[in-house]
Amino acid sequence: MDTDLTAAYTQCRELHRRHGRTYYLATRLLPAWKRRHVHALYGFTRYADEIVDRTDDLPPAERAARLDDWAGRFMAGLHGQPTDDPLLPAVLHTIAVFDLDRNDFAAFLKSMAMDLTVDSYRTYAHLLDYMEGSAAVIGTMMLPILGSSAPEAAREPARQLGFAFQLTNFIRDVDEDLDRGRVYLPQEDLARFGVTTEDLIEARARGRATRPVRELIAYEVGRAQAHYAAAAPGITLLAPASQACMRTAYALYGGILDEVAAQDYDVFARRAVVPQRRRLAVAARALATATGTPVTAVPGPPVPRPTAP
């Protein structure tokens, strides 16, 4: 690879290492030649997310202009035009190597643009429309890199794993998203448990969730676990060299839900994090697991109702 391309892959890896600790640990279990391509996809998605979420001090029109400019340079690169962007050469090279579906990248950028104007979702169907571009397509982008003996059969589980991972993030990061003026949990779900956005803001200010808020979170944990269950059969369809990586990612992201349950679904008490010792143990267990071993469909215990008032 030329110097610019090597530097672009290095920058993507550093973004992944700094900002995606759970997934980065899992990628260490991939063959070295695959890792850089996974880092490239992460770098692409993370950089777009940074444009949207780390420029809150700028007017919305300027944030939109920055995203449009970067997306335009990416699309130009797809059509063979040279780019001086320090990151894009890596993702453009990865797309070319695996002939990734360009429509997935367009759908992702469309969802990123939604974050500039949409701050809540009325129903779960509306949220799924957003997550189709922000999460499901990540699964289908990854699939050719991971490899599969049955790519058509593995496609829907890969999409479901994208949904599961992102919904896990939404559950864990309710506090952080409120900082950005967003509520990803569907408004119809809030209403089901008698919760308003103002209730979430008050719980955030107190650093403690009320019982209705915890019941809402418990409900969303169950919904996320259903996506994990739908994704589980796909892991054994992956290439043998990729299965340990995705077993690890599956278990560690699912482990975030375990931590949420362990703190009685109070996502305002502290940020749910899987302890480092458990993270390493999960990775070691995945390496020792025979290829083709079925994955436990739902990580963690059944979802109970919160206990304390």
C-alpha atoms as a PDB file:
ATOM      1  CA  MET A   1       0.000   0.000   0.000  1.00  0.00           C
ATOM      2  CA  ASP A   2       1.134   3.552  -0.625  1.00  0.00           C
ATOM      3  CA  THR A   3       1.964   5.906   2.231  1.00  0.00           C
ATOM      4  CA  ASP A   4      -1.366   7.791   2.185  1.00  0.00           C
ATOM      5  CA  LEU A   5      -3.387   4.579   2.233  1.00  0.00           C
ATOM      6  CA  THR A   6      -1.348   3.121   5.076  1.00  0.00           C
ATOM      7  CA  ALA A   7      -1.784   6.344   7.046  1.00  0.00           C
ATOM      8  CA  ALA A   8      -5.559   6.293   6.437  1.00  0.00           C
ATOM      9  CA  TYR A   9      -5.848   2.750   7.777  1.00  0.00           C
ATOM     10  CA  THR A  10      -3.755   3.743  10.786  1.00  0.00           C
ATOM     11  CA  GLN A  11      -6.034   6.693  11.521  1.00  0.00           C
ATOM     12  CA  CYS A  12      -9.115   4.468  11.302  1.00  0.00           C
ATOM     13  CA  ARG A  13      -7.520   1.980  13.696  1.00  0.00           C
ATOM     14  CA  GLU A  14      -6.762   4.752  16.179  1.00  0.00           C
ATOM     15  CA  LEU A  15     -10.335   6.046  16.035  1.00  0.00           C
ATOM     16  CA  HIS A  16     -11.539   2.508  16.678  1.00  0.00           C
ATOM     17  CA  ARG A  17      -9.110   1.939  19.536  1.00  0.00           C
ATOM     18  CA  ARG A  18     -10.045   5.198  21.285  1.00  0.00           C
ATOM     19  CA  HIS A  19     -13.788   5.212  20.801  1.00  0.00           C
ATOM     20  CA  GLY A  20     -14.945   1.621  20.271  1.00  0.00           C
ATOM     21  CA  ARG A  21     -13.249  -0.305  23.056  1.00  0.00           C
ATOM     22  CA  THR A  22     -15.660  -3.252  23.118  1.00  0.00           C
ATOM     23  CA  TYR A  23     -15.672  -3.818  19.375  1.00  0.00           C
ATOM     24  CA  TYR A  24     -11.946  -3.092  19.108  1.00  0.00           C
ATOM     25  CA  LEU A  25     -11.190  -5.866  21.603  1.00  0.00           C
ATOM     26  CA  ALA A  26     -13.309  -8.259  19.541  1.00  0.00           C
ATOM     27  CA  THR A  27     -11.485  -7.353  16.324  1.00  0.00           C
ATOM     28  CA  ARG A  28      -8.189  -8.404  17.898  1.00  0.00           C
ATOM     29  CA  LEU A  29      -9.444 -11.961  17.395  1.00  0.00           C
ATOM     30  CA  LEU A  30      -9.675 -11.535  13.615  1.00  0.00           C
ATOM     31  CA  PRO A  31      -6.865 -12.439  11.221  1.00  0.00           C
ATOM     32  CA  ALA A  32      -4.616  -9.385  10.820  1.00  0.00           C
ATOM     33  CA  TRP A  33      -5.511  -8.893   7.153  1.00  0.00           C
ATOM     34  CA  LYS A  34      -9.207  -8.504   8.031  1.00  0.00           C
ATOM     35  CA  ARG A  35      -8.730  -6.141  10.952  1.00  0.00           C
ATOM     36  CA  ARG A  36      -7.718  -3.118   8.918  1.00  0.00           C
ATOM     37  CA  HIS A  37     -10.891  -3.355   6.843  1.00  0.00           C
ATOM     38  CA  VAL A  38     -13.076  -3.496   9.952  1.00  0.00           C
ATOM     39  CA  HIS A  39     -11.157  -0.501  11.334  1.00  0.00           C
ATOM     40  CA  ALA A  40     -11.838   1.339   8.055  1.00  0.00           C
ATOM     41  CA  LEU A  41     -15.606   0.831   8.349  1.00  0.00           C
ATOM     42  CA  TYR A  42     -15.535   1.879  11.989  1.00  0.00           C
ATOM     43  CA  GLY A  43     -13.481   4.956  11.130  1.00  0.00           C
ATOM     44  CA  PHE A  44     -15.943   5.951   8.414  1.00  0.00           C
ATOM     45  CA  THR A  45     -18.982   5.624  10.655  1.00  0.00           C
ATOM     46  CA  ARG A  46     -17.285   7.223  13.635  1.00  0.00           C
ATOM     47  CA  TYR A  47     -16.057  10.237  11.689  1.00  0.00           C
ATOM     48  CA  ALA A  48     -19.550  10.921  10.317  1.00  0.00           C
ATOM     49  CA  ASP A  49     -20.918  10.583  13.838  1.00  0.00           C
ATOM     50  CA  GLU A  50     -18.291  13.031  15.108  1.00  0.00           C
ATOM     51  CA  ILE A  51     -19.390  15.624  12.540  1.00  0.00           C
ATOM     52  CA  VAL A  52     -22.966  15.281  13.787  1.00  0.00           C
ATOM     53  CA  ASP A  53     -22.429  14.916  17.538  1.00  0.00           C
ATOM     54  CA  ARG A  54     -19.217  16.792  18.367  1.00  0.00           C
ATOM     55  CA  THR A  55     -20.096  20.095  16.711  1.00  0.00           C
ATOM     56  CA  ASP A  56     -22.998  21.113  18.960  1.00  0.00           C
ATOM     57  CA  ASP A  57     -21.581  24.623  19.290  1.00  0.00           C
ATOM     58  CA  LEU A  58     -22.119  25.250  15.577  1.00  0.00           C
ATOM     59  CA  PRO A  59     -25.421  26.352  13.977  1.00  0.00           C
ATOM     60  CA  PRO A  60     -27.424  23.417  12.534  1.00  0.00           C
ATOM     61  CA  ALA A  61     -26.952  24.711   8.980  1.00  0.00           C
ATOM     62  CA  GLU A  62     -23.173  24.676   9.337  1.00  0.00           C
ATOM     63  CA  ARG A  63     -23.182  21.185  10.826  1.00  0.00           C
ATOM     64  CA  ALA A  64     -25.314  20.001   7.915  1.00  0.00           C
ATOM     65  CA  ALA A  65     -22.948  21.708   5.468  1.00  0.00           C
ATOM     66  CA  ARG A  66     -19.955  19.928   7.010  1.00  0.00           C
ATOM     67  CA  LEU A  67     -21.653  16.551   6.735  1.00  0.00           C
ATOM     68  CA  ASP A  68     -22.739  17.272   3.149  1.00  0.00           C
ATOM     69  CA  ASP A  69     -19.209  18.321   2.218  1.00  0.00           C
ATOM     70  CA  TRP A  70     -17.645  15.185   3.670  1.00  0.00           C
ATOM     71  CA  ALA A  71     -20.324  12.942   2.132  1.00  0.00           C
ATOM     72  CA  GLY A  72     -19.749  14.668  -1.216  1.00  0.00           C
ATOM     73  CA  ARG A  73     -16.012  13.990  -1.059  1.00  0.00           C
ATOM     74  CA  PHE A  74     -16.761  10.360  -0.196  1.00  0.00           C
ATOM     75  CA  MET A  75     -19.161   9.960  -3.115  1.00  0.00           C
ATOM     76  CA  ALA A  76     -16.647  11.612  -5.449  1.00  0.00           C
ATOM     77  CA  GLY A  77     -14.038   9.136  -4.248  1.00  0.00           C
ATOM     78  CA  LEU A  78     -16.388   6.274  -5.074  1.00  0.00           C
ATOM     79  CA  HIS A  79     -16.453   7.583  -8.647  1.00  0.00           C
ATOM     80  CA  GLY A  80     -12.678   7.540  -8.864  1.00  0.00           C
ATOM     81  CA  GLN A  81     -11.867  11.135  -8.043  1.00  0.00           C
ATOM     82  CA  PRO A  82      -8.733  11.652  -5.902  1.00  0.00           C
ATOM     83  CA  THR A  83      -9.185  12.717  -2.306  1.00  0.00           C
ATOM     84  CA  ASP A  84      -6.847  14.437   0.131  1.00  0.00           C
ATOM     85  CA  ASP A  85      -8.991  13.387   3.119  1.00  0.00           C
ATOM     86  CA  PRO A  86      -6.778  11.618   5.699  1.00  0.00           C
ATOM     87  CA  LEU A  87      -9.360   8.877   6.395  1.00  0.00           C
ATOM     88  CA  LEU A  88     -11.381   8.241   3.227  1.00  0.00           C
ATOM     89  CA  PRO A  89      -8.712   6.351   1.236  1.00  0.00           C
ATOM     90  CA  ALA A  90      -8.998   3.429   3.679  1.00  0.00           C
ATOM     91  CA  VAL A  91     -12.753   3.027   3.400  1.00  0.00           C
ATOM     92  CA  LEU A  92     -12.677   3.541  -0.389  1.00  0.00           C
ATOM     93  CA  HIS A  93     -10.024   0.829  -0.642  1.00  0.00           C
ATOM     94  CA  THR A  94     -12.064  -1.519   1.577  1.00  0.00           C
ATOM     95  CA  ILE A  95     -15.193  -0.932  -0.515  1.00  0.00           C
ATOM     96  CA  ALA A  96     -13.240  -1.765  -3.670  1.00  0.00           C
ATOM     97  CA  VAL A  97     -11.566  -4.868  -2.230  1.00  0.00           C
ATOM     98  CA  PHE A  98     -14.855  -6.438  -1.097  1.00  0.00           C
ATOM     99  CA  ASP A  99     -17.173  -4.800  -3.643  1.00  0.00           C
ATOM    100  CA  LEU A 100     -19.357  -3.534  -0.804  1.00  0.00           C
ATOM    101  CA  ASP A 101     -22.852  -2.291  -1.599  1.00  0.00           C
ATOM    102  CA  ARG A 102     -22.658   1.476  -2.142  1.00  0.00           C
ATOM    103  CA  ASN A 103     -26.325   1.806  -1.202  1.00  0.00           C
ATOM    104  CA  ASP A 104     -25.471   0.789   2.372  1.00  0.00           C
ATOM    105  CA  PHE A 105     -23.171   3.795   2.685  1.00  0.00           C
ATOM    106  CA  ALA A 106     -25.765   6.154   1.225  1.00  0.00           C
ATOM    107  CA  ALA A 107     -28.340   4.828   3.720  1.00  0.00           C
ATOM    108  CA  PHE A 108     -25.897   5.348   6.576  1.00  0.00           C
ATOM    109  CA  LEU A 109     -25.206   8.951   5.604  1.00  0.00           C
ATOM    110  CA  LYS A 110     -28.936   9.597   5.305  1.00  0.00           C
ATOM    111  CA  SER A 111     -29.465   8.434   8.900  1.00  0.00           C
ATOM    112  CA  MET A 112     -26.590  10.617  10.081  1.00  0.00           C
ATOM    113  CA  ALA A 113     -28.276  13.599   8.455  1.00  0.00           C
ATOM    114  CA  MET A 114     -31.489  12.735  10.316  1.00  0.00           C
ATOM    115  CA  ASP A 115     -29.662  13.269  13.606  1.00  0.00           C
ATOM    116  CA  LEU A 116     -29.304  16.939  12.673  1.00  0.00           C
ATOM    117  CA  THR A 117     -33.061  17.518  12.530  1.00  0.00           C
ATOM    118  CA  VAL A 118     -34.858  14.639  14.314  1.00  0.00           C
ATOM    119  CA  ASP A 119     -34.713  14.507  18.119  1.00  0.00           C
ATOM    120  CA  SER A 120     -37.312  11.823  18.895  1.00  0.00           C
ATOM    121  CA  TYR A 121     -39.225   8.930  17.327  1.00  0.00           C
ATOM    122  CA  ARG A 122     -42.937   8.368  17.797  1.00  0.00           C
ATOM    123  CA  THR A 123     -43.006   4.576  17.368  1.00  0.00           C
ATOM    124  CA  TYR A 124     -40.535   1.716  17.260  1.00  0.00           C
ATOM    125  CA  ALA A 125     -41.296   1.351  13.554  1.00  0.00           C
ATOM    126  CA  HIS A 126     -40.069   4.922  13.059  1.00  0.00           C
ATOM    127  CA  LEU A 127     -36.943   4.199  15.087  1.00  0.00           C
ATOM    128  CA  LEU A 128     -36.306   1.061  13.012  1.00  0.00           C
ATOM    129  CA  ASP A 129     -36.437   3.195   9.867  1.00  0.00           C
ATOM    130  CA  TYR A 130     -33.620   5.292  11.317  1.00  0.00           C
ATOM    131  CA  MET A 131     -31.688   2.239  12.537  1.00  0.00           C
ATOM    132  CA  GLU A 132     -31.975   0.625   9.110  1.00  0.00           C
ATOM    133  CA  GLY A 133     -29.405   3.148   7.918  1.00  0.00           C
ATOM    134  CA  SER A 134     -27.461   3.658  11.124  1.00  0.00           C
ATOM    135  CA  ALA A 135     -27.232   0.029  12.290  1.00  0.00           C
ATOM    136  CA  ALA A 136     -28.607  -2.687   9.997  1.00  0.00           C
ATOM    137  CA  VAL A 137     -26.415  -1.625   7.075  1.00  0.00           C
ATOM    138  CA  ILE A 138     -23.341  -1.869   9.306  1.00  0.00           C
ATOM    139  CA  GLY A 139     -24.096  -5.572   9.595  1.00  0.00           C
ATOM    140  CA  THR A 140     -24.395  -5.986   5.837  1.00  0.00           C
ATOM    141  CA  MET A 141     -21.228  -3.923   5.247  1.00  0.00           C
ATOM    142  CA  MET A 142     -19.343  -6.198   7.627  1.00  0.00           C
ATOM    143  CA  LEU A 143     -20.576  -9.500   6.242  1.00  0.00           C
ATOM    144  CA  PRO A 144     -18.330  -9.700   3.143  1.00  0.00           C
ATOM    145  CA  ILE A 145     -15.292  -8.859   5.293  1.00  0.00           C
ATOM    146  CA  LEU A 146     -16.114 -11.481   7.898  1.00  0.00           C
ATOM    147  CA  GLY A 147     -16.952 -14.027   5.213  1.00  0.00           C
ATOM    148  CA  SER A 148     -19.713 -16.615   5.271  1.00  0.00           C
ATOM    149  CA  SER A 149     -20.458 -20.081   3.981  1.00  0.00           C
ATOM    150  CA  ALA A 150     -24.051 -18.965   3.373  1.00  0.00           C
ATOM    151  CA  PRO A 151     -24.078 -15.186   2.821  1.00  0.00           C
ATOM    152  CA  GLU A 152     -27.760 -14.968   1.933  1.00  0.00           C
ATOM    153  CA  ALA A 153     -28.788 -16.866   5.084  1.00  0.00           C
ATOM    154  CA  ALA A 154     -26.379 -14.784   7.190  1.00  0.00           C
ATOM    155  CA  ARG A 155     -27.626 -11.432   5.894  1.00  0.00           C
ATOM    156  CA  GLU A 156     -30.709 -11.038   8.105  1.00  0.00           C
ATOM    157  CA  PRO A 157     -28.928 -12.149  11.303  1.00  0.00           C
ATOM    158  CA  ALA A 158     -26.212  -9.597  10.494  1.00  0.00           C
ATOM    159  CA  ARG A 159     -28.862  -6.889  10.214  1.00  0.00           C
ATOM    160  CA  GLN A 160     -30.444  -8.013  13.480  1.00  0.00           C
ATOM    161  CA  LEU A 161     -27.086  -7.824  15.240  1.00  0.00           C
ATOM    162  CA  GLY A 162     -26.763  -4.236  14.041  1.00  0.00           C
ATOM    163  CA  PHE A 163     -30.170  -3.455  15.553  1.00  0.00           C
ATOM    164  CA  ALA A 164     -29.219  -5.239  18.797  1.00  0.00           C
ATOM    165  CA  PHE A 165     -25.942  -3.370  19.199  1.00  0.00           C
ATOM    166  CA  GLN A 166     -27.451   0.036  18.509  1.00  0.00           C
ATOM    167  CA  LEU A 167     -30.475  -0.467  20.739  1.00  0.00           C
ATOM    168  CA  THR A 168     -28.059  -1.542  23.490  1.00  0.00           C
ATOM    169  CA  ASN A 169     -26.235   1.761  23.007  1.00  0.00           C
ATOM    170  CA  PHE A 170     -29.503   3.717  23.131  1.00  0.00           C
ATOM    171  CA  ILE A 171     -30.464   2.013  26.403  1.00  0.00           C
ATOM    172  CA  ARG A 172     -27.081   2.598  28.021  1.00  0.00           C
ATOM    173  CA  ASP A 173     -26.724   6.180  26.735  1.00  0.00           C
ATOM    174  CA  VAL A 174     -30.112   7.716  27.562  1.00  0.00           C
ATOM    175  CA  ASP A 175     -28.296  10.208  29.793  1.00  0.00           C
ATOM    176  CA  GLU A 176     -25.733  11.156  27.150  1.00  0.00           C
ATOM    177  CA  ASP A 177     -28.354  11.492  24.401  1.00  0.00           C
ATOM    178  CA  LEU A 178     -30.431  13.838  26.567  1.00  0.00           C
ATOM    179  CA  ASP A 179     -27.347  16.079  26.646  1.00  0.00           C
ATOM    180  CA  ARG A 180     -27.690  16.329  22.873  1.00  0.00           C
ATOM    181  CA  GLY A 181     -31.412  17.002  23.061  1.00  0.00           C
ATOM    182  CA  ARG A 182     -32.366  13.564  21.742  1.00  0.00           C
ATOM    183  CA  VAL A 183     -34.546  10.736  23.022  1.00  0.00           C
ATOM    184  CA  TYR A 184     -34.149   7.606  20.926  1.00  0.00           C
ATOM    185  CA  LEU A 185     -36.510   5.444  22.988  1.00  0.00           C
ATOM    186  CA  PRO A 186     -39.871   5.615  21.184  1.00  0.00           C
ATOM    187  CA  GLN A 187     -42.413   8.059  22.529  1.00  0.00           C
ATOM    188  CA  GLU A 188     -45.104   5.368  22.430  1.00  0.00           C
ATOM    189  CA  ASP A 189     -42.963   3.298  24.813  1.00  0.00           C
ATOM    190  CA  LEU A 190     -42.555   6.233  27.172  1.00  0.00           C
ATOM    191  CA  ALA A 191     -46.339   6.697  27.154  1.00  0.00           C
ATOM    192  CA  ARG A 192     -46.875   2.977  27.824  1.00  0.00           C
ATOM    193  CA  PHE A 193     -45.085   3.365  31.167  1.00  0.00           C
ATOM    194  CA  GLY A 194     -46.364   6.834  32.008  1.00  0.00           C
ATOM    195  CA  VAL A 195     -42.987   8.476  31.348  1.00  0.00           C
ATOM    196  CA  THR A 196     -42.393  11.829  29.657  1.00  0.00           C
ATOM    197  CA  THR A 197     -39.220  13.357  28.277  1.00  0.00           C
ATOM    198  CA  GLU A 198     -39.362  15.767  31.225  1.00  0.00           C
ATOM    199  CA  ASP A 199     -39.347  12.758  33.587  1.00  0.00           C
ATOM    200  CA  LEU A 200     -36.132  11.552  31.946  1.00  0.00           C
ATOM    201  CA  ILE A 201     -34.568  14.976  32.297  1.00  0.00           C
ATOM    202  CA  GLU A 202     -35.542  15.109  35.981  1.00  0.00           C
ATOM    203  CA  ALA A 203     -34.142  11.612  36.572  1.00  0.00           C
ATOM    204  CA  ARG A 204     -30.922  12.687  34.919  1.00  0.00           C
ATOM    205  CA  ALA A 205     -30.712  15.747  37.191  1.00  0.00           C
ATOM    206  CA  ARG A 206     -31.271  13.565  40.286  1.00  0.00           C
ATOM    207  CA  GLY A 207     -28.911  10.831  39.131  1.00  0.00           C
ATOM    208  CA  ARG A 208     -31.610   8.277  39.923  1.00  0.00           C
ATOM    209  CA  ALA A 209     -34.430   6.777  37.874  1.00  0.00           C
ATOM    210  CA  THR A 210     -38.007   6.435  39.101  1.00  0.00           C
ATOM    211  CA  ARG A 211     -39.768   3.105  39.001  1.00  0.00           C
ATOM    212  CA  PRO A 212     -41.700   3.939  35.786  1.00  0.00           C
ATOM    213  CA  VAL A 213     -38.439   4.908  34.068  1.00  0.00           C
ATOM    214  CA  ARG A 214     -36.812   1.658  35.196  1.00  0.00           C
ATOM    215  CA  GLU A 215     -39.797  -0.314  33.931  1.00  0.00           C
ATOM    216  CA  LEU A 216     -39.399   1.450  30.587  1.00  0.00           C
ATOM    217  CA  ILE A 217     -35.717   0.524  30.456  1.00  0.00           C
ATOM    218  CA  ALA A 218     -36.488  -3.092  31.402  1.00  0.00           C
ATOM    219  CA  TYR A 219     -38.966  -3.228  28.515  1.00  0.00           C
ATOM    220  CA  GLU A 220     -36.345  -1.931  26.067  1.00  0.00           C
ATOM    221  CA  VAL A 221     -33.810  -4.459  27.370  1.00  0.00           C
ATOM    222  CA  GLY A 222     -36.259  -7.229  26.507  1.00  0.00           C
ATOM    223  CA  ARG A 223     -36.724  -5.769  23.043  1.00  0.00           C
ATOM    224  CA  ALA A 224     -32.959  -5.654  22.494  1.00  0.00           C
ATOM    225  CA  GLN A 225     -32.627  -9.253  23.651  1.00  0.00           C
ATOM    226  CA  ALA A 226     -35.133 -10.272  20.970  1.00  0.00           C
ATOM    227  CA  HIS A 227     -32.805  -8.792  18.337  1.00  0.00           C
ATOM    228  CA  TYR A 228     -29.860 -10.686  19.851  1.00  0.00           C
ATOM    229  CA  ALA A 229     -31.894 -13.898  19.661  1.00  0.00           C
ATOM    230  CA  ALA A 230     -32.635 -13.265  15.977  1.00  0.00           C
ATOM    231  CA  ALA A 231     -28.939 -12.587  15.328  1.00  0.00           C
ATOM    232  CA  ALA A 232     -27.507 -15.622  17.136  1.00  0.00           C
ATOM    233  CA  PRO A 233     -27.891 -18.203  14.321  1.00  0.00           C
ATOM    234  CA  GLY A 234     -25.836 -16.039  11.987  1.00  0.00           C
ATOM    235  CA  ILE A 235     -22.591 -16.320  13.923  1.00  0.00           C
ATOM    236  CA  THR A 236     -22.101 -19.997  13.096  1.00  0.00           C
ATOM    237  CA  LEU A 237     -22.623 -19.124   9.415  1.00  0.00           C
ATOM    238  CA  LEU A 238     -19.553 -16.885   9.428  1.00  0.00           C
ATOM    239  CA  ALA A 239     -16.142 -17.956   8.189  1.00  0.00           C
ATOM    240  CA  PRO A 240     -14.378 -19.967  10.920  1.00  0.00           C
ATOM    241  CA  ALA A 241     -11.681 -17.298  11.357  1.00  0.00           C
ATOM    242  CA  SER A 242     -14.346 -14.678  12.113  1.00  0.00           C
ATOM    243  CA  GLN A 243     -16.500 -16.542  14.598  1.00  0.00           C
ATOM    244  CA  ALA A 244     -14.437 -15.851  17.748  1.00  0.00           C
ATOM    245  CA  CYS A 245     -14.512 -12.120  16.996  1.00  0.00           C
ATOM    246  CA  MET A 246     -18.268 -11.964  16.622  1.00  0.00           C
ATOM    247  CA  ARG A 247     -18.923 -14.297  19.563  1.00  0.00           C
ATOM    248  CA  THR A 248     -16.937 -11.848  21.658  1.00  0.00           C
ATOM    249  CA  ALA A 249     -18.723  -8.774  20.336  1.00  0.00           C
ATOM    250  CA  TYR A 250     -22.100 -10.486  20.784  1.00  0.00           C
ATOM    251  CA  ALA A 251     -21.373 -11.469  24.387  1.00  0.00           C
ATOM    252  CA  LEU A 252     -19.815  -8.144  25.391  1.00  0.00           C
ATOM    253  CA  TYR A 253     -22.553  -5.944  23.962  1.00  0.00           C
ATOM    254  CA  GLY A 254     -25.118  -8.291  25.467  1.00  0.00           C
ATOM    255  CA  GLY A 255     -23.157  -7.981  28.707  1.00  0.00           C
ATOM    256  CA  ILE A 256     -23.973  -4.266  28.777  1.00  0.00           C
ATOM    257  CA  LEU A 257     -27.623  -5.280  29.162  1.00  0.00           C
ATOM    258  CA  ASP A 258     -26.588  -7.562  32.034  1.00  0.00           C
ATOM    259  CA  GLU A 259     -24.974  -4.567  33.734  1.00  0.00           C
ATOM    260  CA  VAL A 260     -28.107  -2.459  33.181  1.00  0.00           C
ATOM    261  CA  ALA A 261     -30.204  -5.211  34.791  1.00  0.00           C
ATOM    262  CA  ALA A 262     -27.713  -5.542  37.662  1.00  0.00           C
ATOM    263  CA  GLN A 263     -28.250  -1.890  38.588  1.00  0.00           C
ATOM    264  CA  ASP A 264     -32.026  -2.426  38.566  1.00  0.00           C
ATOM    265  CA  TYR A 265     -32.393  -0.731  35.160  1.00  0.00           C
ATOM    266  CA  ASP A 266     -31.312   2.637  36.527  1.00  0.00           C
ATOM    267  CA  VAL A 267     -29.292   4.013  33.608  1.00  0.00           C
ATOM    268  CA  PHE A 268     -28.867   7.328  35.428  1.00  0.00           C
ATOM    269  CA  ALA A 269     -27.080   5.878  38.468  1.00  0.00           C
ATOM    270  CA  ARG A 270     -23.951   5.094  36.451  1.00  0.00           C
ATOM    271  CA  ARG A 271     -22.982   4.218  32.908  1.00  0.00           C
ATOM    272  CA  ALA A 272     -23.265   0.458  32.408  1.00  0.00           C
ATOM    273  CA  VAL A 273     -19.818  -0.949  31.592  1.00  0.00           C
ATOM    274  CA  VAL A 274     -18.652  -4.560  31.348  1.00  0.00           C
ATOM    275  CA  PRO A 275     -15.692  -4.952  33.751  1.00  0.00           C
ATOM    276  CA  GLN A 276     -12.293  -5.475  32.137  1.00  0.00           C
ATOM    277  CA  ARG A 277     -11.789  -8.870  33.770  1.00  0.00           C
ATOM    278  CA  ARG A 278     -15.034 -10.119  32.278  1.00  0.00           C
ATOM    279  CA  ARG A 279     -14.166  -8.635  28.877  1.00  0.00           C
ATOM    280  CA  LEU A 280     -10.903 -10.570  28.754  1.00  0.00           C
ATOM    281  CA  ALA A 281     -12.560 -13.751  30.006  1.00  0.00           C
ATOM    282  CA  VAL A 282     -15.203 -13.520  27.273  1.00  0.00           C
ATOM    283  CA  ALA A 283     -12.531 -13.115  24.596  1.00  0.00           C
ATOM    284  CA  ALA A 284     -10.553 -16.078  25.932  1.00  0.00           C
ATOM    285  CA  ARG A 285     -13.668 -18.242  26.053  1.00  0.00           C
ATOM    286  CA  ALA A 286     -14.549 -17.314  22.469  1.00  0.00           C
ATOM    287  CA  LEU A 287     -11.084 -18.332  21.295  1.00  0.00           C
ATOM    288  CA  ALA A 288     -11.445 -21.687  23.041  1.00  0.00           C
ATOM    289  CA  THR A 289     -14.917 -22.374  21.608  1.00  0.00           C
ATOM    290  CA  ALA A 290     -15.053 -24.832  18.719  1.00  0.00           C
ATOM    291  CA  THR A 291     -16.061 -23.381  15.363  1.00  0.00           C
ATOM    292  CA  GLY A 292     -19.745 -23.963  14.646  1.00  0.00           C
ATOM    293  CA  THR A 293     -20.801 -24.152  18.299  1.00  0.00           C
ATOM    294  CA  PRO A 294     -24.273 -22.576  18.594  1.00  0.00           C
ATOM    295  CA  VAL A 295     -24.433 -19.202  20.310  1.00  0.00           C
ATOM    296  CA  THR A 296     -26.631 -18.727  23.360  1.00  0.00           C
ATOM    297  CA  ALA A 297     -29.602 -16.912  21.898  1.00  0.00           C
ATOM    298  CA  VAL A 298     -30.309 -14.359  24.621  1.00  0.00           C
ATOM    299  CA  PRO A 299     -27.417 -12.965  26.685  1.00  0.00           C
ATOM    300  CA  GLY A 300     -27.962 -12.600  30.412  1.00  0.00           C
ATOM    301  CA  PRO A 301     -30.918 -13.476  32.638  1.00  0.00           C
ATOM    302  CA  PRO A 302     -34.610 -13.030  31.829  1.00  0.00           C
ATOM    303  CA  VAL A 303     -35.819  -9.470  32.280  1.00  0.00           C
ATOM    304  CA  PRO A 304     -37.530  -9.054  35.711  1.00  0.00           C
ATOM    305  CA  ARG A 305     -39.596  -6.104  36.818  1.00  0.00           C
ATOM    306  CA  PRO A 306     -37.650  -3.503  38.797  1.00  0.00           C
ATOM    307  CA  THR A 307     -38.008  -4.022  42.528  1.00  0.00           C
ATOM    308  CA  ALA A 308     -37.586  -0.865  44.603  1.00  0.00           C
ATOM    309  CA  PRO A 309     -40.004   2.054  44.259  1.00  0.00           C
END
